[in-house]
């Protein structure tokens, strides 16, 4: 197989849309990646062009992603790169998608709390209170303000 695998670091640009499908649940969101470079003359970092990708995550990765990620979160996304062209309104447009195989918070920019989900427990997408409880806002309540990252094995 000659797939192009990429790893990109950036920020969640839109809310995660999770849907159940015939082949399993899928989560989709837009991901912004901005190139940065060191400017020696100014002695500081300068932002370059921002690229946007549509990220898709299937089955348990998608469910866990939907329960763990919010707009603005810094992430590392690894997956299969897909470039497609479509004609819309008489114009040829190019879209770049990533079919994610792994996603995680970028820990160079913050902390994250991981919580393993045991087999047989409801998946995060089946428990709408999962993020609220992990953030300490639910009735089960914890004191932390961190979002729990759930993994279904």
N, C-alpha and C. Protein backbone atom coordinates (compact mmCIF):
# COMPACT_ATOMS: atom_id res chain seq x y z
N UNK A 1 0.84 -1.17 0.00
CA UNK A 1 0.00 0.00 0.00
C UNK A 1 0.89 1.24 0.00
N UNK A 2 0.57 2.20 -0.85
CA UNK A 2 1.38 3.41 -0.98
C UNK A 2 0.67 4.63 -0.43
N UNK A 3 0.16 4.53 0.76
CA UNK A 3 -0.51 5.67 1.38
C UNK A 3 0.51 6.64 1.92
N UNK A 4 0.16 7.91 1.92
CA UNK A 4 1.02 8.94 2.49
C UNK A 4 0.57 9.17 3.92
N UNK A 5 1.44 8.83 4.88
CA UNK A 5 1.15 9.02 6.29
C UNK A 5 1.79 10.34 6.73
N UNK A 6 1.02 11.14 7.50
CA UNK A 6 1.51 12.42 7.97
C UNK A 6 1.27 12.55 9.47
N UNK A 7 2.07 13.39 10.09
CA UNK A 7 1.85 13.78 11.48
C UNK A 7 1.86 15.30 11.48
N UNK A 8 0.75 15.90 11.94
CA UNK A 8 0.63 17.35 11.94
C UNK A 8 0.32 17.83 13.36
N UNK A 9 0.82 19.00 13.68
CA UNK A 9 0.61 19.61 15.00
C UNK A 9 -0.11 20.92 14.78
N UNK A 10 -1.23 21.11 15.48
CA UNK A 10 -2.00 22.33 15.30
C UNK A 10 -3.11 22.45 16.32
N UNK A 11 -4.19 23.14 15.95
CA UNK A 11 -5.30 23.41 16.86
C UNK A 11 -6.63 23.01 16.23
N UNK A 12 -7.56 22.57 17.07
CA UNK A 12 -8.90 22.23 16.63
C UNK A 12 -9.59 23.53 16.24
N UNK A 13 -10.10 23.59 15.00
CA UNK A 13 -10.70 24.82 14.49
C UNK A 13 -12.23 24.83 14.58
N UNK A 14 -12.85 23.65 14.59
CA UNK A 14 -14.32 23.58 14.69
C UNK A 14 -14.69 22.53 15.73
N UNK A 15 -15.92 22.56 16.18
CA UNK A 15 -16.35 21.55 17.13
C UNK A 15 -16.37 20.18 16.44
N UNK A 16 -16.19 19.14 17.23
CA UNK A 16 -16.15 17.78 16.71
C UNK A 16 -17.58 17.31 16.45
N UNK A 17 -17.83 16.85 15.23
CA UNK A 17 -19.14 16.33 14.84
C UNK A 17 -19.06 14.81 14.85
N UNK A 18 -19.77 14.17 15.78
CA UNK A 18 -19.75 12.71 15.89
C UNK A 18 -21.07 12.15 15.38
N UNK A 19 -20.97 11.14 14.51
CA UNK A 19 -22.17 10.49 13.95
C UNK A 19 -21.97 8.99 13.92
N UNK A 20 -23.05 8.26 14.21
CA UNK A 20 -23.03 6.81 14.05
C UNK A 20 -23.35 6.49 12.60
N UNK A 21 -22.58 5.58 12.01
CA UNK A 21 -22.81 5.15 10.64
C UNK A 21 -22.93 3.64 10.61
N UNK A 22 -23.24 3.09 9.46
CA UNK A 22 -23.37 1.64 9.30
C UNK A 22 -22.05 0.94 9.60
N UNK A 23 -20.93 1.55 9.23
CA UNK A 23 -19.62 0.94 9.44
C UNK A 23 -18.98 1.33 10.77
N UNK A 24 -19.69 2.03 11.62
CA UNK A 24 -19.16 2.46 12.92
C UNK A 24 -19.21 3.97 13.02
N UNK A 25 -19.05 4.48 14.23
CA UNK A 25 -19.11 5.92 14.45
C UNK A 25 -17.93 6.64 13.82
N UNK A 26 -18.16 7.89 13.44
CA UNK A 26 -17.09 8.72 12.88
C UNK A 26 -17.18 10.12 13.48
N UNK A 27 -16.02 10.65 13.83
CA UNK A 27 -15.91 12.02 14.31
C UNK A 27 -15.16 12.82 13.26
N UNK A 28 -15.66 14.03 12.97
CA UNK A 28 -14.99 14.90 11.99
C UNK A 28 -14.85 16.29 12.57
N UNK A 29 -13.72 16.93 12.24
CA UNK A 29 -13.49 18.31 12.65
C UNK A 29 -12.47 18.94 11.73
N UNK A 30 -12.41 20.27 11.73
CA UNK A 30 -11.41 21.00 10.96
C UNK A 30 -10.23 21.28 11.88
N UNK A 31 -9.05 21.18 11.30
CA UNK A 31 -7.80 21.28 12.04
C UNK A 31 -6.92 22.34 11.39
N UNK A 32 -6.45 23.30 12.17
CA UNK A 32 -5.62 24.40 11.65
C UNK A 32 -4.17 24.17 12.03
N UNK A 33 -3.29 24.24 11.04
CA UNK A 33 -1.85 24.06 11.25
C UNK A 33 -1.14 25.29 10.71
N UNK A 34 -0.47 26.00 11.60
CA UNK A 34 0.22 27.23 11.22
C UNK A 34 1.73 27.02 11.31
N UNK A 35 2.41 27.28 10.20
CA UNK A 35 3.88 27.18 10.19
C UNK A 35 4.45 28.34 11.00
N UNK A 36 5.50 28.05 11.77
CA UNK A 36 6.18 29.10 12.54
C UNK A 36 7.66 29.02 12.25
N UNK A 37 8.29 30.18 12.23
CA UNK A 37 9.73 30.20 12.01
C UNK A 37 10.36 31.26 12.90
N UNK A 38 11.63 31.07 13.18
CA UNK A 38 12.36 32.00 14.01
C UNK A 38 12.91 33.12 13.13
N UNK A 39 12.57 34.36 13.45
CA UNK A 39 13.06 35.53 12.72
C UNK A 39 14.27 36.06 13.48
N UNK A 40 15.47 35.89 12.90
CA UNK A 40 16.69 36.31 13.59
C UNK A 40 16.76 37.83 13.77
N UNK A 41 16.28 38.56 12.78
CA UNK A 41 16.35 40.03 12.86
C UNK A 41 15.50 40.57 14.00
N UNK A 42 14.30 40.01 14.17
CA UNK A 42 13.40 40.47 15.22
C UNK A 42 13.58 39.70 16.53
N UNK A 43 14.29 38.60 16.46
CA UNK A 43 14.55 37.73 17.62
C UNK A 43 13.26 37.23 18.26
N UNK A 44 12.32 36.80 17.39
CA UNK A 44 11.10 36.19 17.91
C UNK A 44 10.48 35.28 16.84
N UNK A 45 9.47 34.52 17.25
CA UNK A 45 8.79 33.61 16.34
C UNK A 45 7.79 34.37 15.50
N UNK A 46 7.68 33.99 14.22
CA UNK A 46 6.76 34.62 13.29
C UNK A 46 5.84 33.55 12.71
N UNK A 47 4.53 33.83 12.71
CA UNK A 47 3.57 32.89 12.13
C UNK A 47 3.59 32.99 10.62
N UNK A 48 3.50 31.83 9.98
CA UNK A 48 3.42 31.78 8.52
C UNK A 48 2.00 31.48 8.09
N UNK A 49 1.86 30.83 6.96
CA UNK A 49 0.57 30.49 6.38
C UNK A 49 -0.12 29.41 7.22
N UNK A 50 -1.45 29.48 7.34
CA UNK A 50 -2.23 28.46 8.05
C UNK A 50 -2.88 27.54 7.04
N UNK A 51 -2.68 26.23 7.22
CA UNK A 51 -3.32 25.21 6.39
C UNK A 51 -4.44 24.57 7.19
N UNK A 52 -5.54 24.27 6.52
CA UNK A 52 -6.68 23.63 7.19
C UNK A 52 -6.90 22.24 6.61
N UNK A 53 -7.17 21.29 7.49
CA UNK A 53 -7.42 19.91 7.12
C UNK A 53 -8.75 19.47 7.73
N UNK A 54 -9.45 18.58 7.04
CA UNK A 54 -10.61 17.94 7.63
C UNK A 54 -10.12 16.60 8.17
N UNK A 55 -10.27 16.38 9.46
CA UNK A 55 -9.80 15.15 10.10
C UNK A 55 -11.01 14.26 10.37
N UNK A 56 -10.89 12.98 10.01
CA UNK A 56 -11.91 11.98 10.30
C UNK A 56 -11.29 10.90 11.18
N UNK A 57 -12.03 10.50 12.19
CA UNK A 57 -11.58 9.43 13.09
C UNK A 57 -12.73 8.45 13.26
N UNK A 58 -12.47 7.18 13.06
CA UNK A 58 -13.52 6.15 13.05
C UNK A 58 -13.55 5.34 14.33
N UNK A 59 -14.69 4.72 14.58
CA UNK A 59 -14.95 3.78 15.66
C UNK A 59 -14.53 4.33 17.03
N UNK A 60 -13.78 3.58 17.82
CA UNK A 60 -13.48 4.01 19.19
C UNK A 60 -12.65 5.29 19.22
N UNK A 61 -11.75 5.47 18.26
CA UNK A 61 -10.97 6.72 18.21
C UNK A 61 -11.90 7.91 18.03
N UNK A 62 -12.89 7.78 17.17
CA UNK A 62 -13.85 8.86 16.95
C UNK A 62 -14.68 9.17 18.18
N UNK A 63 -15.16 8.12 18.85
CA UNK A 63 -15.96 8.31 20.05
C UNK A 63 -15.14 8.97 21.16
N UNK A 64 -13.92 8.51 21.36
CA UNK A 64 -13.06 9.08 22.39
C UNK A 64 -12.67 10.52 22.05
N UNK A 65 -12.45 10.78 20.79
CA UNK A 65 -12.11 12.12 20.34
C UNK A 65 -13.26 13.09 20.62
N UNK A 66 -14.48 12.67 20.31
CA UNK A 66 -15.65 13.53 20.52
C UNK A 66 -15.83 13.87 21.99
N UNK A 67 -15.45 12.98 22.88
CA UNK A 67 -15.62 13.21 24.31
C UNK A 67 -14.43 13.94 24.94
N UNK A 68 -13.34 14.10 24.19
CA UNK A 68 -12.12 14.61 24.80
C UNK A 68 -11.59 15.92 24.23
N UNK A 69 -12.12 16.36 23.10
CA UNK A 69 -11.51 17.48 22.38
C UNK A 69 -12.51 18.63 22.22
N UNK A 70 -12.01 19.84 22.37
CA UNK A 70 -12.84 21.05 22.19
C UNK A 70 -12.12 22.01 21.25
N UNK A 71 -12.87 22.97 20.72
CA UNK A 71 -12.30 23.98 19.83
C UNK A 71 -11.14 24.68 20.54
N UNK A 72 -10.04 24.84 19.81
CA UNK A 72 -8.86 25.51 20.35
C UNK A 72 -7.83 24.59 20.97
N UNK A 73 -8.21 23.34 21.24
CA UNK A 73 -7.25 22.40 21.85
C UNK A 73 -6.07 22.16 20.92
N UNK A 74 -4.84 22.16 21.47
CA UNK A 74 -3.68 21.82 20.67
C UNK A 74 -3.57 20.29 20.56
N UNK A 75 -3.44 19.79 19.33
CA UNK A 75 -3.39 18.34 19.11
C UNK A 75 -2.23 17.96 18.22
N UNK A 76 -1.88 16.67 18.30
CA UNK A 76 -0.99 16.02 17.36
C UNK A 76 -1.85 14.97 16.66
N UNK A 77 -1.95 15.05 15.33
CA UNK A 77 -2.78 14.13 14.56
C UNK A 77 -1.88 13.34 13.62
N UNK A 78 -2.02 12.02 13.65
CA UNK A 78 -1.27 11.14 12.75
C UNK A 78 -2.27 10.35 11.93
N UNK A 79 -2.05 10.28 10.62
CA UNK A 79 -2.98 9.52 9.79
C UNK A 79 -2.65 9.56 8.33
N UNK A 80 -3.59 9.05 7.55
CA UNK A 80 -3.44 8.92 6.10
C UNK A 80 -3.91 10.19 5.41
N UNK A 81 -3.05 10.78 4.60
CA UNK A 81 -3.36 12.01 3.88
C UNK A 81 -4.15 11.68 2.62
N UNK A 82 -5.23 12.44 2.39
CA UNK A 82 -6.06 12.29 1.19
C UNK A 82 -6.24 13.66 0.56
N UNK A 83 -5.90 13.80 -0.70
CA UNK A 83 -6.12 15.04 -1.44
C UNK A 83 -7.16 14.73 -2.50
N UNK A 84 -8.21 15.56 -2.54
CA UNK A 84 -9.28 15.33 -3.52
C UNK A 84 -9.65 16.66 -4.17
N UNK A 85 -10.09 16.55 -5.41
CA UNK A 85 -10.53 17.73 -6.14
C UNK A 85 -11.99 17.57 -6.49
N UNK A 86 -12.72 18.68 -6.37
CA UNK A 86 -14.14 18.70 -6.71
C UNK A 86 -14.44 19.98 -7.46
N UNK A 87 -15.50 19.92 -8.25
CA UNK A 87 -15.94 21.12 -8.92
C UNK A 87 -17.19 21.64 -8.22
N UNK A 88 -17.11 22.87 -7.75
CA UNK A 88 -18.23 23.51 -7.06
C UNK A 88 -18.45 24.88 -7.67
N UNK A 89 -19.68 25.15 -8.03
CA UNK A 89 -20.04 26.44 -8.62
C UNK A 89 -19.15 26.78 -9.82
N UNK A 90 -18.81 25.77 -10.60
CA UNK A 90 -18.01 26.00 -11.80
C UNK A 90 -16.53 26.19 -11.54
N UNK A 91 -16.10 26.05 -10.30
CA UNK A 91 -14.68 26.20 -9.97
C UNK A 91 -14.11 24.90 -9.45
N UNK A 92 -12.89 24.61 -9.86
CA UNK A 92 -12.19 23.43 -9.38
C UNK A 92 -11.60 23.74 -8.02
N UNK A 93 -11.90 22.93 -7.00
CA UNK A 93 -11.40 23.17 -5.63
C UNK A 93 -10.65 21.94 -5.14
N UNK A 94 -9.63 22.17 -4.34
CA UNK A 94 -8.83 21.09 -3.76
C UNK A 94 -9.09 21.03 -2.27
N UNK A 95 -9.32 19.81 -1.77
CA UNK A 95 -9.55 19.57 -0.34
C UNK A 95 -8.51 18.59 0.17
N UNK A 96 -8.03 18.83 1.38
CA UNK A 96 -7.04 17.94 1.98
C UNK A 96 -7.63 17.37 3.26
N UNK A 97 -7.70 16.05 3.33
CA UNK A 97 -8.29 15.34 4.47
C UNK A 97 -7.23 14.45 5.11
N UNK A 98 -7.45 14.17 6.38
CA UNK A 98 -6.60 13.20 7.10
C UNK A 98 -7.52 12.18 7.74
N UNK A 99 -7.31 10.89 7.42
CA UNK A 99 -8.00 9.80 8.11
C UNK A 99 -7.11 9.42 9.29
N UNK A 100 -7.50 9.85 10.47
CA UNK A 100 -6.64 9.72 11.66
C UNK A 100 -6.52 8.28 12.12
N UNK A 101 -5.31 7.90 12.48
CA UNK A 101 -5.08 6.62 13.13
C UNK A 101 -4.68 6.82 14.59
N UNK A 102 -4.23 8.04 14.92
CA UNK A 102 -3.89 8.38 16.31
C UNK A 102 -4.02 9.89 16.49
N UNK A 103 -4.58 10.28 17.64
CA UNK A 103 -4.75 11.70 17.96
C UNK A 103 -4.45 11.87 19.45
N UNK A 104 -3.75 12.91 19.79
CA UNK A 104 -3.48 13.19 21.20
C UNK A 104 -3.29 14.67 21.44
N UNK A 105 -3.46 15.08 22.68
CA UNK A 105 -3.19 16.47 23.04
C UNK A 105 -1.70 16.74 22.92
N UNK A 106 -1.35 17.94 22.50
CA UNK A 106 0.05 18.36 22.38
C UNK A 106 0.51 18.78 23.78
N UNK A 107 1.25 17.92 24.43
CA UNK A 107 1.64 18.16 25.83
C UNK A 107 2.78 19.16 25.99
N UNK A 108 3.30 19.70 24.87
CA UNK A 108 4.25 20.81 25.00
C UNK A 108 3.53 22.09 25.36
N UNK A 109 2.19 22.09 25.22
CA UNK A 109 1.41 23.30 25.46
C UNK A 109 0.42 23.17 26.60
N UNK A 110 0.45 22.08 27.34
CA UNK A 110 -0.46 21.93 28.46
C UNK A 110 -0.44 20.51 29.00
N UNK A 111 -1.35 20.23 29.92
CA UNK A 111 -1.42 18.90 30.52
C UNK A 111 -2.72 18.23 30.11
N UNK A 112 -2.77 16.93 30.30
CA UNK A 112 -3.96 16.16 29.96
C UNK A 112 -4.08 15.02 30.96
N UNK A 113 -5.30 14.65 31.29
CA UNK A 113 -5.53 13.52 32.20
C UNK A 113 -6.08 12.36 31.38
N UNK A 114 -5.45 11.21 31.46
CA UNK A 114 -5.86 10.04 30.68
C UNK A 114 -6.66 9.09 31.57
N UNK A 115 -7.75 8.58 31.04
CA UNK A 115 -8.55 7.59 31.76
C UNK A 115 -8.86 6.45 30.82
N UNK A 116 -8.36 5.27 31.15
CA UNK A 116 -8.60 4.08 30.34
C UNK A 116 -10.02 3.60 30.60
N UNK A 117 -10.73 3.25 29.52
CA UNK A 117 -12.08 2.72 29.62
C UNK A 117 -11.99 1.20 29.49
N UNK A 118 -12.58 0.50 30.43
CA UNK A 118 -12.55 -0.95 30.40
C UNK A 118 -13.56 -1.48 29.41
N UNK A 119 -13.30 -2.65 28.85
CA UNK A 119 -14.26 -3.27 27.94
C UNK A 119 -15.58 -3.46 28.67
N UNK A 120 -16.67 -3.22 27.96
CA UNK A 120 -17.98 -3.37 28.57
C UNK A 120 -18.53 -2.06 29.10
N UNK A 121 -17.67 -1.08 29.40
CA UNK A 121 -18.14 0.24 29.81
C UNK A 121 -18.72 0.94 28.60
N UNK A 122 -19.72 1.80 28.80
CA UNK A 122 -20.22 2.54 27.65
C UNK A 122 -19.14 3.45 27.09
N UNK A 123 -19.10 3.57 25.76
CA UNK A 123 -18.13 4.46 25.12
C UNK A 123 -18.47 5.89 25.48
N UNK A 124 -17.49 6.75 25.36
CA UNK A 124 -17.66 8.16 25.71
C UNK A 124 -18.80 8.79 24.92
N UNK A 125 -18.94 8.45 23.64
CA UNK A 125 -19.99 9.06 22.82
C UNK A 125 -21.38 8.61 23.26
N UNK A 126 -21.46 7.50 23.98
CA UNK A 126 -22.74 7.01 24.48
C UNK A 126 -23.07 7.61 25.84
N UNK A 127 -22.13 8.35 26.44
CA UNK A 127 -22.31 8.97 27.74
C UNK A 127 -22.13 10.47 27.61
N UNK A 128 -23.21 11.21 27.39
CA UNK A 128 -23.07 12.66 27.21
C UNK A 128 -22.48 13.38 28.41
N UNK A 129 -22.53 12.77 29.57
CA UNK A 129 -21.99 13.42 30.77
C UNK A 129 -20.51 13.16 30.97
N UNK A 130 -19.86 12.41 30.07
CA UNK A 130 -18.48 11.99 30.27
C UNK A 130 -17.53 13.18 30.40
N UNK A 131 -17.63 14.16 29.52
CA UNK A 131 -16.73 15.30 29.59
C UNK A 131 -17.05 16.15 30.80
N UNK A 132 -18.35 16.37 31.08
CA UNK A 132 -18.75 17.20 32.22
C UNK A 132 -18.24 16.59 33.53
N UNK A 133 -18.38 15.27 33.69
CA UNK A 133 -17.90 14.63 34.91
C UNK A 133 -16.39 14.76 35.04
N UNK A 134 -15.68 14.54 33.92
CA UNK A 134 -14.22 14.59 33.96
C UNK A 134 -13.73 16.00 34.28
N UNK A 135 -14.49 17.00 33.88
CA UNK A 135 -14.08 18.38 34.13
C UNK A 135 -14.49 18.84 35.53
N UNK A 136 -15.22 18.00 36.25
CA UNK A 136 -15.61 18.37 37.60
C UNK A 136 -16.90 19.15 37.65
N UNK A 137 -17.66 19.17 36.54
CA UNK A 137 -18.91 19.93 36.52
C UNK A 137 -20.13 19.05 36.76
N UNK A 138 -19.95 17.73 36.71
CA UNK A 138 -21.09 16.83 36.86
C UNK A 138 -21.39 16.53 38.31
N UNK A 139 -22.47 15.79 38.52
CA UNK A 139 -22.84 15.44 39.88
C UNK A 139 -21.81 14.53 40.53
N UNK A 140 -21.20 13.65 39.70
CA UNK A 140 -20.16 12.78 40.24
C UNK A 140 -18.96 13.62 40.64
N UNK A 141 -18.79 14.72 39.91
CA UNK A 141 -17.85 15.80 40.20
C UNK A 141 -16.48 15.44 40.69
N UNK A 142 -15.49 16.03 40.07
CA UNK A 142 -14.13 15.98 40.53
C UNK A 142 -13.70 17.41 40.72
N UNK A 143 -12.56 17.61 41.33
CA UNK A 143 -12.11 18.97 41.58
C UNK A 143 -11.34 19.54 40.42
N UNK A 144 -10.86 18.68 39.51
CA UNK A 144 -10.00 19.15 38.43
C UNK A 144 -10.76 19.79 37.29
N UNK A 145 -10.08 20.65 36.55
CA UNK A 145 -10.68 21.30 35.40
C UNK A 145 -10.17 20.66 34.11
N UNK A 146 -9.48 19.53 34.21
CA UNK A 146 -8.94 18.88 33.03
C UNK A 146 -9.99 17.97 32.41
N UNK A 147 -9.92 17.78 31.11
CA UNK A 147 -10.81 16.90 30.39
C UNK A 147 -10.19 15.51 30.41
N UNK A 148 -10.98 14.49 30.70
CA UNK A 148 -10.45 13.12 30.68
C UNK A 148 -10.43 12.63 29.24
N UNK A 149 -9.36 11.96 28.89
CA UNK A 149 -9.23 11.36 27.57
C UNK A 149 -9.57 9.89 27.76
N UNK A 150 -10.58 9.41 27.04
CA UNK A 150 -11.02 8.04 27.21
C UNK A 150 -10.57 7.19 26.04
N UNK A 151 -10.18 5.97 26.32
CA UNK A 151 -9.75 5.04 25.30
C UNK A 151 -10.52 3.75 25.48
N UNK A 152 -11.17 3.28 24.44
CA UNK A 152 -11.89 2.01 24.50
C UNK A 152 -10.98 0.95 23.92
N UNK A 153 -10.70 -0.07 24.70
CA UNK A 153 -9.82 -1.15 24.23
C UNK A 153 -10.62 -2.35 23.80
